[in-house]
């Protein structure tokens, strides 16, 4: 028969395990969402790169409207987004390891 002190420790460890498992599930879900976002950014970058600089007008959604941007501006913005996503993915991979 376990002592009350041992029972208390087992209860605390069980609670910590449950919290850790929940945090791991959240981190894995966030990692999947980031991977999806990264694929979307990569596809968009490929599409933008395929357009001629002179022939295409490129627009970016800003809130409820679209604004005209140069190809280089859009590529820079997508590259920054990819860097941000890669950084966040590294963080979540460390958490889930």
Protein backbone atom coordinates (compact mmCIF):
# COMPACT_ATOMS: atom_id res chain seq x y z
CA UNK A 1 0.00 0.00 0.00
CA UNK A 2 1.37 3.39 -1.02
CA UNK A 3 1.89 6.09 1.53
CA UNK A 4 -0.07 9.35 1.20
CA UNK A 5 3.15 11.13 0.26
CA UNK A 6 3.85 8.63 -2.52
CA UNK A 7 0.26 8.89 -3.74
CA UNK A 8 0.61 12.68 -3.88
CA UNK A 9 3.82 12.40 -5.90
CA UNK A 10 2.19 9.93 -8.31
CA UNK A 11 -0.77 12.28 -8.76
CA UNK A 12 1.56 15.23 -9.49
CA UNK A 13 3.58 13.19 -11.99
CA UNK A 14 0.40 12.03 -13.67
CA UNK A 15 -0.79 15.64 -13.96
CA UNK A 16 2.56 16.73 -15.39
CA UNK A 17 2.49 13.89 -17.92
CA UNK A 18 -1.01 14.83 -19.03
CA UNK A 19 -0.01 18.49 -19.43
CA UNK A 20 3.13 17.53 -21.36
CA UNK A 21 1.17 15.28 -23.73
CA UNK A 22 -1.34 18.08 -24.36
CA UNK A 23 1.46 20.57 -25.05
CA UNK A 24 3.08 18.09 -27.43
CA UNK A 25 -0.18 17.64 -29.35
CA UNK A 26 -0.56 21.42 -29.64
CA UNK A 27 3.03 21.78 -30.86
CA UNK A 28 2.53 19.02 -33.44
CA UNK A 29 -0.66 20.69 -34.67
CA UNK A 30 1.11 24.02 -34.98
CA UNK A 31 3.98 22.36 -36.84
CA UNK A 32 1.57 20.83 -39.36
CA UNK A 33 -0.07 24.24 -39.87
CA UNK A 34 3.36 25.83 -40.42
CA UNK A 35 4.33 23.15 -42.94
CA UNK A 36 1.11 23.86 -44.85
CA UNK A 37 1.80 27.59 -44.76
CA UNK A 38 5.36 27.00 -45.99
CA UNK A 39 4.12 24.92 -48.94
CA UNK A 40 1.63 27.67 -49.83
CA UNK A 41 4.37 30.31 -49.74
CA UNK A 42 6.67 28.17 -51.87
CA UNK A 43 3.94 27.59 -54.46
CA UNK A 44 3.15 31.31 -54.54
CA UNK A 45 6.83 32.17 -54.95
CA UNK A 46 7.10 29.74 -57.87
CA UNK A 47 4.05 31.28 -59.54
CA UNK A 48 5.34 34.83 -59.05
CA UNK A 49 8.78 33.88 -60.36
CA UNK A 50 7.21 32.57 -63.54
CA UNK A 51 5.71 35.95 -64.45
CA UNK A 52 7.49 38.37 -66.72
CA UNK A 53 8.47 41.64 -65.03
CA UNK A 54 6.97 43.79 -67.77
CA UNK A 55 3.83 41.96 -68.79
CA UNK A 56 2.11 41.12 -65.50
CA UNK A 57 0.58 43.27 -62.82
CA UNK A 58 0.80 41.57 -59.46
CA UNK A 59 -1.53 42.32 -56.58
CA UNK A 60 -1.40 41.38 -52.94
CA UNK A 61 -4.41 41.21 -50.62
CA UNK A 62 -4.27 43.75 -47.80
CA UNK A 63 -7.28 43.43 -45.57
CA UNK A 64 -10.34 43.68 -47.80
CA UNK A 65 -8.57 45.18 -50.81
CA UNK A 66 -5.79 44.36 -53.26
CA UNK A 67 -2.77 46.57 -53.84
CA UNK A 68 -0.39 46.58 -56.78
CA UNK A 69 3.20 45.59 -55.95
CA UNK A 70 6.27 44.96 -58.05
CA UNK A 71 7.44 41.41 -58.55
CA UNK A 72 10.52 42.09 -56.42
CA UNK A 73 8.44 43.46 -53.53
CA UNK A 74 6.20 40.40 -53.54
CA UNK A 75 9.19 38.06 -53.74
CA UNK A 76 10.87 39.83 -50.80
CA UNK A 77 7.67 39.61 -48.77
CA UNK A 78 7.27 35.90 -49.48
CA UNK A 79 10.95 35.28 -48.67
CA UNK A 80 10.52 37.05 -45.30
CA UNK A 81 7.43 34.95 -44.60
CA UNK A 82 9.33 31.77 -45.45
CA UNK A 83 12.16 32.77 -43.08
CA UNK A 84 9.63 33.42 -40.30
CA UNK A 85 7.90 30.08 -40.90
CA UNK A 86 11.22 28.21 -40.98
CA UNK A 87 12.22 29.82 -37.67
CA UNK A 88 8.93 28.88 -36.04
CA UNK A 89 9.19 25.34 -37.39
CA UNK A 90 12.61 24.96 -35.78
CA UNK A 91 11.15 26.07 -32.45
CA UNK A 92 8.27 23.58 -32.64
CA UNK A 93 10.58 20.76 -33.73
CA UNK A 94 12.69 21.40 -30.63
CA UNK A 95 9.58 21.31 -28.45
CA UNK A 96 8.31 18.08 -29.96
CA UNK A 97 11.71 16.32 -29.71
